[in-house]
PDB file of all heavy atoms in Angstrom:
ATOM      1  N   LYS A   1     159.631  70.444  45.429  1.00  0.00           N
ATOM      2  CA  LYS A   1     159.696  70.835  46.834  1.00  0.00           C
ATOM      3  C   LYS A   1     158.595  70.212  47.675  1.00  0.00           C
ATOM      4  O   LYS A   1     158.737  70.104  48.909  1.00  0.00           O
ATOM      5  CB  LYS A   1     159.658  72.357  46.957  1.00  0.00           C
ATOM      6  CG  LYS A   1     158.389  73.005  46.424  1.00  0.00           C
ATOM      7  CD  LYS A   1     158.471  74.522  46.534  1.00  0.00           C
ATOM      8  CE  LYS A   1     157.214  75.183  45.994  1.00  0.00           C
ATOM      9  NZ  LYS A   1     157.294  76.676  46.112  1.00  0.00           N
ATOM     10  N   ASP A   2     157.498  69.788  47.043  1.00  0.00           N
ATOM     11  CA  ASP A   2     156.414  69.136  47.779  1.00  0.00           C
ATOM     12  C   ASP A   2     156.540  67.611  47.791  1.00  0.00           C
ATOM     13  O   ASP A   2     155.862  66.941  48.567  1.00  0.00           O
ATOM     14  CB  ASP A   2     155.056  69.524  47.186  1.00  0.00           C
ATOM     15  CG  ASP A   2     154.759  71.011  47.346  1.00  0.00           C
ATOM     16  OD1 ASP A   2     155.194  71.587  48.363  1.00  0.00           O
ATOM     17  OD2 ASP A   2     154.116  71.593  46.459  1.00  0.00           O
ATOM     18  N   ARG A   3     157.411  67.064  46.939  1.00  0.00           N
ATOM     19  CA  ARG A   3     157.606  65.612  46.871  1.00  0.00           C
ATOM     20  C   ARG A   3     158.714  65.137  47.795  1.00  0.00           C
ATOM     21  O   ARG A   3     158.694  64.001  48.272  1.00  0.00           O
ATOM     22  CB  ARG A   3     157.948  65.189  45.436  1.00  0.00           C
ATOM     23  CG  ARG A   3     156.811  65.298  44.439  1.00  0.00           C
ATOM     24  CD  ARG A   3     157.266  64.797  43.078  1.00  0.00           C
ATOM     25  NE  ARG A   3     157.741  63.413  43.149  1.00  0.00           N
ATOM     26  CZ  ARG A   3     158.862  62.981  42.577  1.00  0.00           C
ATOM     27  NH1 ARG A   3     159.657  63.817  41.928  1.00  0.00           N
ATOM     28  NH2 ARG A   3     159.209  61.718  42.672  1.00  0.00           N
ATOM     29  N   PHE A   4     159.692  66.001  48.028  1.00  0.00           N
ATOM     30  CA  PHE A   4     160.844  65.642  48.841  1.00  0.00           C
ATOM     31  C   PHE A   4     161.053  66.685  49.934  1.00  0.00           C
ATOM     32  O   PHE A   4     160.658  67.838  49.791  1.00  0.00           O
ATOM     33  CB  PHE A   4     162.118  65.577  47.987  1.00  0.00           C
ATOM     34  CG  PHE A   4     162.125  64.520  46.932  1.00  0.00           C
ATOM     35  CD1 PHE A   4     161.733  64.817  45.627  1.00  0.00           C
ATOM     36  CD2 PHE A   4     162.525  63.217  47.220  1.00  0.00           C
ATOM     37  CE1 PHE A   4     161.746  63.847  44.641  1.00  0.00           C
ATOM     38  CE2 PHE A   4     162.545  62.243  46.245  1.00  0.00           C
ATOM     39  CZ  PHE A   4     162.148  62.550  44.949  1.00  0.00           C
ATOM     40  N   ALA A   5     161.698  66.244  51.013  1.00  0.00           N
ATOM     41  CA  ALA A   5     162.176  67.189  52.028  1.00  0.00           C
ATOM     42  C   ALA A   5     163.498  67.751  51.519  1.00  0.00           C
ATOM     43  O   ALA A   5     164.489  67.024  51.426  1.00  0.00           O
ATOM     44  CB  ALA A   5     162.364  66.480  53.362  1.00  0.00           C
ATOM     45  N   ILE A   6     163.509  69.031  51.158  1.00  0.00           N
ATOM     46  CA  ILE A   6     164.683  69.664  50.553  1.00  0.00           C
ATOM     47  C   ILE A   6     165.033  70.923  51.339  1.00  0.00           C
ATOM     48  O   ILE A   6     164.153  71.737  51.643  1.00  0.00           O
ATOM     49  CB  ILE A   6     164.429  70.049  49.076  1.00  0.00           C
ATOM     50  CG1 ILE A   6     163.966  68.835  48.264  1.00  0.00           C
ATOM     51  CG2 ILE A   6     165.674  70.653  48.456  1.00  0.00           C
ATOM     52  CD1 ILE A   6     163.496  69.191  46.857  1.00  0.00           C
ATOM     53  N   ILE A   7     166.307  71.067  51.655  1.00  0.00           N
ATOM     54  CA  ILE A   7     166.775  72.333  52.219  1.00  0.00           C
ATOM     55  C   ILE A   7     167.880  72.874  51.304  1.00  0.00           C
ATOM     56  O   ILE A   7     168.634  72.108  50.711  1.00  0.00           O
ATOM     57  CB  ILE A   7     167.304  72.192  53.657  1.00  0.00           C
ATOM     58  CG1 ILE A   7     168.436  71.164  53.759  1.00  0.00           C
ATOM     59  CG2 ILE A   7     166.175  71.844  54.601  1.00  0.00           C
ATOM     60  CD1 ILE A   7     169.084  71.124  55.134  1.00  0.00           C
ATOM     61  N   THR A   8     167.920  74.187  51.163  1.00  0.00           N
ATOM     62  CA  THR A   8     168.915  74.840  50.314  1.00  0.00           C
ATOM     63  C   THR A   8     169.943  75.542  51.181  1.00  0.00           C
ATOM     64  O   THR A   8     169.586  76.278  52.109  1.00  0.00           O
ATOM     65  CB  THR A   8     168.234  75.854  49.373  1.00  0.00           C
ATOM     66  OG1 THR A   8     167.293  75.167  48.534  1.00  0.00           O
ATOM     67  CG2 THR A   8     169.277  76.540  48.497  1.00  0.00           C
ATOM     68  N   VAL A   9     171.205  75.287  50.888  1.00  0.00           N
ATOM     69  CA  VAL A   9     172.315  75.885  51.629  1.00  0.00           C
ATOM     70  C   VAL A   9     173.220  76.602  50.634  1.00  0.00           C
ATOM     71  O   VAL A   9     173.612  76.025  49.619  1.00  0.00           O
ATOM     72  CB  VAL A   9     173.124  74.814  52.390  1.00  0.00           C
ATOM     73  CG1 VAL A   9     174.345  75.437  53.065  1.00  0.00           C
ATOM     74  CG2 VAL A   9     172.242  74.099  53.406  1.00  0.00           C
ATOM     75  N   ASP A  10     173.541  77.845  50.913  1.00  0.00           N
ATOM     76  CA  ASP A  10     174.467  78.599  50.058  1.00  0.00           C
ATOM     77  C   ASP A  10     175.880  78.135  50.374  1.00  0.00           C
ATOM     78  O   ASP A  10     176.495  78.579  51.352  1.00  0.00           O
ATOM     79  CB  ASP A  10     174.318  80.098  50.311  1.00  0.00           C
ATOM     80  CG  ASP A  10     175.132  80.940  49.334  1.00  0.00           C
ATOM     81  OD1 ASP A  10     176.057  80.385  48.694  1.00  0.00           O
ATOM     82  OD2 ASP A  10     174.849  82.139  49.219  1.00  0.00           O
ATOM     83  N   SER A  11     176.411  77.233  49.553  1.00  0.00           N
ATOM     84  CA  SER A  11     177.730  76.649  49.836  1.00  0.00           C
ATOM     85  C   SER A  11     178.868  77.624  49.560  1.00  0.00           C
ATOM     86  O   SER A  11     180.011  77.350  49.909  1.00  0.00           O
ATOM     87  CB  SER A  11     177.931  75.362  49.025  1.00  0.00           C
ATOM     88  OG  SER A  11     178.016  75.634  47.650  1.00  0.00           O
ATOM     89  N   GLY A  12     178.545  78.763  48.945  1.00  0.00           N
ATOM     90  CA  GLY A  12     179.562  79.784  48.746  1.00  0.00           C
ATOM     91  C   GLY A  12     179.810  80.606  50.001  1.00  0.00           C
ATOM     92  O   GLY A  12     180.794  81.337  50.094  1.00  0.00           O
ATOM     93  N   LYS A  13     178.917  80.463  50.994  1.00  0.00           N
ATOM     94  CA  LYS A  13     179.026  81.248  52.224  1.00  0.00           C
ATOM     95  C   LYS A  13     179.294  80.370  53.445  1.00  0.00           C
ATOM     96  O   LYS A  13     179.162  80.838  54.579  1.00  0.00           O
ATOM     97  CB  LYS A  13     177.739  82.056  52.440  1.00  0.00           C
ATOM     98  CG  LYS A  13     177.494  83.105  51.373  1.00  0.00           C
ATOM     99  CD  LYS A  13     176.228  83.891  51.654  1.00  0.00           C
ATOM    100  CE  LYS A  13     175.998  84.970  50.594  1.00  0.00           C
ATOM    101  NZ  LYS A  13     174.755  85.732  50.847  1.00  0.00           N
ATOM    102  N   ILE A  14     179.623  79.099  53.217  1.00  0.00           N
ATOM    103  CA  ILE A  14     179.914  78.201  54.331  1.00  0.00           C
ATOM    104  C   ILE A  14     181.211  77.455  54.038  1.00  0.00           C
ATOM    105  O   ILE A  14     181.441  77.009  52.913  1.00  0.00           O
ATOM    106  CB  ILE A  14     178.740  77.225  54.571  1.00  0.00           C
ATOM    107  CG1 ILE A  14     178.953  76.440  55.860  1.00  0.00           C
ATOM    108  CG2 ILE A  14     178.519  76.303  53.391  1.00  0.00           C
ATOM    109  CD1 ILE A  14     177.701  75.694  56.309  1.00  0.00           C
ATOM    110  N   ASN A  15     182.059  77.347  55.041  1.00  0.00           N
ATOM    111  CA  ASN A  15     183.367  76.715  54.891  1.00  0.00           C
ATOM    112  C   ASN A  15     183.344  75.354  55.572  1.00  0.00           C
ATOM    113  O   ASN A  15     183.461  75.260  56.799  1.00  0.00           O
ATOM    114  CB  ASN A  15     184.450  77.610  55.498  1.00  0.00           C
ATOM    115  CG  ASN A  15     185.857  77.087  55.253  1.00  0.00           C
ATOM    116  OD1 ASN A  15     186.047  75.916  54.955  1.00  0.00           O
ATOM    117  ND2 ASN A  15     186.833  77.963  55.376  1.00  0.00           N
ATOM    118  N   PHE A  16     183.165  74.288  54.765  1.00  0.00           N
ATOM    119  CA  PHE A  16     183.125  72.935  55.311  1.00  0.00           C
ATOM    120  C   PHE A  16     184.513  72.440  55.734  1.00  0.00           C
ATOM    121  O   PHE A  16     184.614  71.456  56.463  1.00  0.00           O
ATOM    122  CB  PHE A  16     182.596  71.936  54.267  1.00  0.00           C
ATOM    123  CG  PHE A  16     181.210  72.215  53.783  1.00  0.00           C
ATOM    124  CD1 PHE A  16     180.965  72.401  52.431  1.00  0.00           C
ATOM    125  CD2 PHE A  16     180.152  72.282  54.656  1.00  0.00           C
ATOM    126  CE1 PHE A  16     179.687  72.640  51.964  1.00  0.00           C
ATOM    127  CE2 PHE A  16     178.869  72.525  54.214  1.00  0.00           C
ATOM    128  CZ  PHE A  16     178.636  72.712  52.867  1.00  0.00           C
ATOM    129  N   VAL A  17     185.549  73.105  55.252  1.00  0.00           N
ATOM    130  CA  VAL A  17     186.912  72.587  55.418  1.00  0.00           C
ATOM    131  C   VAL A  17     187.580  73.095  56.687  1.00  0.00           C
ATOM    132  O   VAL A  17     188.095  72.302  57.491  1.00  0.00           O
ATOM    133  CB  VAL A  17     187.775  72.946  54.189  1.00  0.00           C
ATOM    134  CG1 VAL A  17     189.188  72.408  54.362  1.00  0.00           C
ATOM    135  CG2 VAL A  17     187.143  72.404  52.916  1.00  0.00           C
ATOM    136  N   ASN A  18     187.557  74.417  56.916  1.00  0.00           N
ATOM    137  CA  ASN A  18     188.384  74.992  57.975  1.00  0.00           C
ATOM    138  C   ASN A  18     187.615  75.684  59.101  1.00  0.00           C
ATOM    139  O   ASN A  18     188.178  75.903  60.175  1.00  0.00           O
ATOM    140  CB  ASN A  18     189.369  76.011  57.371  1.00  0.00           C
ATOM    141  CG  ASN A  18     190.297  75.367  56.353  1.00  0.00           C
ATOM    142  OD1 ASN A  18     190.838  74.297  56.601  1.00  0.00           O
ATOM    143  ND2 ASN A  18     190.472  76.015  55.206  1.00  0.00           N
ATOM    144  N   ASN A  19     186.367  76.050  58.869  1.00  0.00           N
ATOM    145  CA  ASN A  19     185.639  76.840  59.854  1.00  0.00           C
ATOM    146  C   ASN A  19     184.811  75.927  60.776  1.00  0.00           C
ATOM    147  O   ASN A  19     183.823  75.334  60.348  1.00  0.00           O
ATOM    148  CB  ASN A  19     184.729  77.845  59.140  1.00  0.00           C
ATOM    149  CG  ASN A  19     184.150  78.874  60.097  1.00  0.00           C
ATOM    150  OD1 ASN A  19     183.523  78.537  61.084  1.00  0.00           O
ATOM    151  ND2 ASN A  19     184.366  80.136  59.780  1.00  0.00           N
ATOM    152  N   VAL A  20     185.231  75.841  62.030  1.00  0.00           N
ATOM    153  CA  VAL A  20     184.579  74.940  62.986  1.00  0.00           C
ATOM    154  C   VAL A  20     183.126  75.343  63.216  1.00  0.00           C
ATOM    155  O   VAL A  20     182.224  74.493  63.268  1.00  0.00           O
ATOM    156  CB  VAL A  20     185.344  74.923  64.324  1.00  0.00           C
ATOM    157  CG1 VAL A  20     184.594  74.098  65.367  1.00  0.00           C
ATOM    158  CG2 VAL A  20     186.745  74.365  64.117  1.00  0.00           C
ATOM    159  N   LYS A  21     182.860  76.649  63.333  1.00  0.00           N
ATOM    160  CA  LYS A  21     181.491  77.122  63.570  1.00  0.00           C
ATOM    161  C   LYS A  21     180.585  76.801  62.391  1.00  0.00           C
ATOM    162  O   LYS A  21     179.425  76.424  62.573  1.00  0.00           O
ATOM    163  CB  LYS A  21     181.497  78.627  63.856  1.00  0.00           C
ATOM    164  CG  LYS A  21     182.080  78.989  65.209  1.00  0.00           C
ATOM    165  CD  LYS A  21     181.959  80.486  65.478  1.00  0.00           C
ATOM    166  CE  LYS A  21     182.498  80.823  66.867  1.00  0.00           C
ATOM    167  NZ  LYS A  21     182.394  82.281  67.153  1.00  0.00           N
ATOM    168  N   ASP A  22     181.121  76.956  61.173  1.00  0.00           N
ATOM    169  CA  ASP A  22     180.343  76.630  59.978  1.00  0.00           C
ATOM    170  C   ASP A  22     180.006  75.139  59.940  1.00  0.00           C
ATOM    171  O   ASP A  22     178.884  74.757  59.567  1.00  0.00           O
ATOM    172  CB  ASP A  22     181.113  77.018  58.714  1.00  0.00           C
ATOM    173  CG  ASP A  22     180.991  78.497  58.384  1.00  0.00           C
ATOM    174  OD1 ASP A  22     180.263  79.205  59.120  1.00  0.00           O
ATOM    175  OD2 ASP A  22     181.616  78.949  57.412  1.00  0.00           O
ATOM    176  N   LYS A  23     180.963  74.310  60.305  1.00  0.00           N
ATOM    177  CA  LYS A  23     180.728  72.862  60.335  1.00  0.00           C
ATOM    178  C   LYS A  23     179.611  72.516  61.310  1.00  0.00           C
ATOM    179  O   LYS A  23     178.692  71.752  60.982  1.00  0.00           O
ATOM    180  CB  LYS A  23     182.001  72.120  60.727  1.00  0.00           C
ATOM    181  CG  LYS A  23     183.105  72.160  59.690  1.00  0.00           C
ATOM    182  CD  LYS A  23     184.328  71.398  60.195  1.00  0.00           C
ATOM    183  CE  LYS A  23     185.471  71.438  59.196  1.00  0.00           C
ATOM    184  NZ  LYS A  23     186.648  70.681  59.685  1.00  0.00           N
ATOM    185  N   GLU A  24     179.677  73.083  62.506  1.00  0.00           N
ATOM    186  CA  GLU A  24     178.661  72.810  63.524  1.00  0.00           C
ATOM    187  C   GLU A  24     177.290  73.321  63.101  1.00  0.00           C
ATOM    188  O   GLU A  24     176.274  72.643  63.287  1.00  0.00           O
ATOM    189  CB  GLU A  24     179.078  73.450  64.846  1.00  0.00           C
ATOM    190  CG  GLU A  24     180.298  72.801  65.489  1.00  0.00           C
ATOM    191  CD  GLU A  24     180.714  73.487  66.773  1.00  0.00           C
ATOM    192  OE1 GLU A  24     180.110  74.524  67.120  1.00  0.00           O
ATOM    193  OE2 GLU A  24     181.640  72.989  67.432  1.00  0.00           O
ATOM    194  N   LYS A  25     177.273  74.510  62.525  1.00  0.00           N
ATOM    195  CA  LYS A  25     176.012  75.092  62.063  1.00  0.00           C
ATOM    196  C   LYS A  25     175.368  74.217  60.987  1.00  0.00           C
ATOM    197  O   LYS A  25     174.156  73.980  60.998  1.00  0.00           O
ATOM    198  CB  LYS A  25     176.259  76.504  61.520  1.00  0.00           C
ATOM    199  CG  LYS A  25     175.018  77.228  61.057  1.00  0.00           C
ATOM    200  CD  LYS A  25     175.372  78.629  60.566  1.00  0.00           C
ATOM    201  CE  LYS A  25     174.126  79.360  60.071  1.00  0.00           C
ATOM    202  NZ  LYS A  25     174.480  80.731  59.562  1.00  0.00           N
ATOM    203  N   PHE A  26     176.187  73.722  60.075  1.00  0.00           N
ATOM    204  CA  PHE A  26     175.695  72.883  58.984  1.00  0.00           C
ATOM    205  C   PHE A  26     175.136  71.564  59.527  1.00  0.00           C
ATOM    206  O   PHE A  26     174.039  71.138  59.139  1.00  0.00           O
ATOM    207  CB  PHE A  26     176.826  72.621  58.001  1.00  0.00           C
ATOM    208  CG  PHE A  26     176.442  71.792  56.803  1.00  0.00           C
ATOM    209  CD1 PHE A  26     175.529  72.264  55.883  1.00  0.00           C
ATOM    210  CD2 PHE A  26     176.999  70.530  56.604  1.00  0.00           C
ATOM    211  CE1 PHE A  26     175.168  71.512  54.781  1.00  0.00           C
ATOM    212  CE2 PHE A  26     176.653  69.782  55.522  1.00  0.00           C
ATOM    213  CZ  PHE A  26     175.736  70.252  54.591  1.00  0.00           C
ATOM    214  N   ILE A  27     175.859  70.913  60.415  1.00  0.00           N
ATOM    215  CA  ILE A  27     175.418  69.652  60.983  1.00  0.00           C
ATOM    216  C   ILE A  27     174.128  69.848  61.796  1.00  0.00           C
ATOM    217  O   ILE A  27     173.183  69.043  61.697  1.00  0.00           O
ATOM    218  CB  ILE A  27     176.517  69.029  61.867  1.00  0.00           C
ATOM    219  CG1 ILE A  27     177.697  68.583  60.993  1.00  0.00           C
ATOM    220  CG2 ILE A  27     175.964  67.822  62.654  1.00  0.00           C
ATOM    221  CD1 ILE A  27     177.368  67.540  59.949  1.00  0.00           C
ATOM    222  N   ASN A  28     174.055  70.906  62.571  1.00  0.00           N
ATOM    223  CA  ASN A  28     172.847  71.180  63.358  1.00  0.00           C
ATOM    224  C   ASN A  28     171.644  71.461  62.465  1.00  0.00           C
ATOM    225  O   ASN A  28     170.507  71.096  62.812  1.00  0.00           O
ATOM    226  CB  ASN A  28     173.084  72.355  64.318  1.00  0.00           C
ATOM    227  CG  ASN A  28     174.007  71.989  65.459  1.00  0.00           C
ATOM    228  OD1 ASN A  28     174.094  70.828  65.844  1.00  0.00           O
ATOM    229  ND2 ASN A  28     174.707  72.967  66.004  1.00  0.00           N
ATOM    230  N   LEU A  29     171.885  72.110  61.321  1.00  0.00           N
ATOM    231  CA  LEU A  29     170.803  72.370  60.375  1.00  0.00           C
ATOM    232  C   LEU A  29     170.238  71.053  59.846  1.00  0.00           C
ATOM    233  O   LEU A  29     169.008  70.891  59.778  1.00  0.00           O
ATOM    234  CB  LEU A  29     171.330  73.213  59.212  1.00  0.00           C
ATOM    235  CG  LEU A  29     170.342  73.514  58.084  1.00  0.00           C
ATOM    236  CD1 LEU A  29     169.189  74.376  58.579  1.00  0.00           C
ATOM    237  CD2 LEU A  29     171.044  74.179  56.904  1.00  0.00           C
ATOM    238  N   ILE A  30     171.119  70.125  59.489  1.00  0.00           N
ATOM    239  CA  ILE A  30     170.661  68.829  58.995  1.00  0.00           C
ATOM    240  C   ILE A  30     169.887  68.090  60.076  1.00  0.00           C
ATOM    241  O   ILE A  30     168.784  67.561  59.834  1.00  0.00           O
ATOM    242  CB  ILE A  30     171.865  67.985  58.534  1.00  0.00           C
ATOM    243  CG1 ILE A  30     172.511  68.615  57.294  1.00  0.00           C
ATOM    244  CG2 ILE A  30     171.437  66.540  58.223  1.00  0.00           C
ATOM    245  CD1 ILE A  30     173.784  67.938  56.858  1.00  0.00           C
ATOM    246  N   LYS A  31     170.429  68.056  61.283  1.00  0.00           N
ATOM    247  CA  LYS A  31     169.746  67.352  62.383  1.00  0.00           C
ATOM    248  C   LYS A  31     168.363  67.915  62.641  1.00  0.00           C
ATOM    249  O   LYS A  31     167.419  67.166  62.934  1.00  0.00           O
ATOM    250  CB  LYS A  31     170.601  67.433  63.653  1.00  0.00           C
ATOM    251  CG  LYS A  31     171.864  66.601  63.626  1.00  0.00           C
ATOM    252  CD  LYS A  31     172.646  66.752  64.925  1.00  0.00           C
ATOM    253  CE  LYS A  31     173.880  65.856  64.929  1.00  0.00           C
ATOM    254  NZ  LYS A  31     174.656  66.023  66.183  1.00  0.00           N
ATOM    255  N   SER A  32     168.229  69.227  62.518  1.00  0.00           N
ATOM    256  CA  SER A  32     166.924  69.869  62.792  1.00  0.00           C
ATOM    257  C   SER A  32     165.873  69.527  61.753  1.00  0.00           C
ATOM    258  O   SER A  32     164.672  69.723  62.009  1.00  0.00           O
ATOM    259  CB  SER A  32     167.112  71.384  62.874  1.00  0.00           C
ATOM    260  OG  SER A  32     167.390  71.946  61.598  1.00  0.00           O
TER     261      SER A  32
END
């Protein structure tokens, strides 16, 4: 965790396929 920039996302609680809000939230998290 100190060697790399790492973020943890619970992929069991986010819908990359059908949920528009989840998609936007995920992309905004990466951008931030």
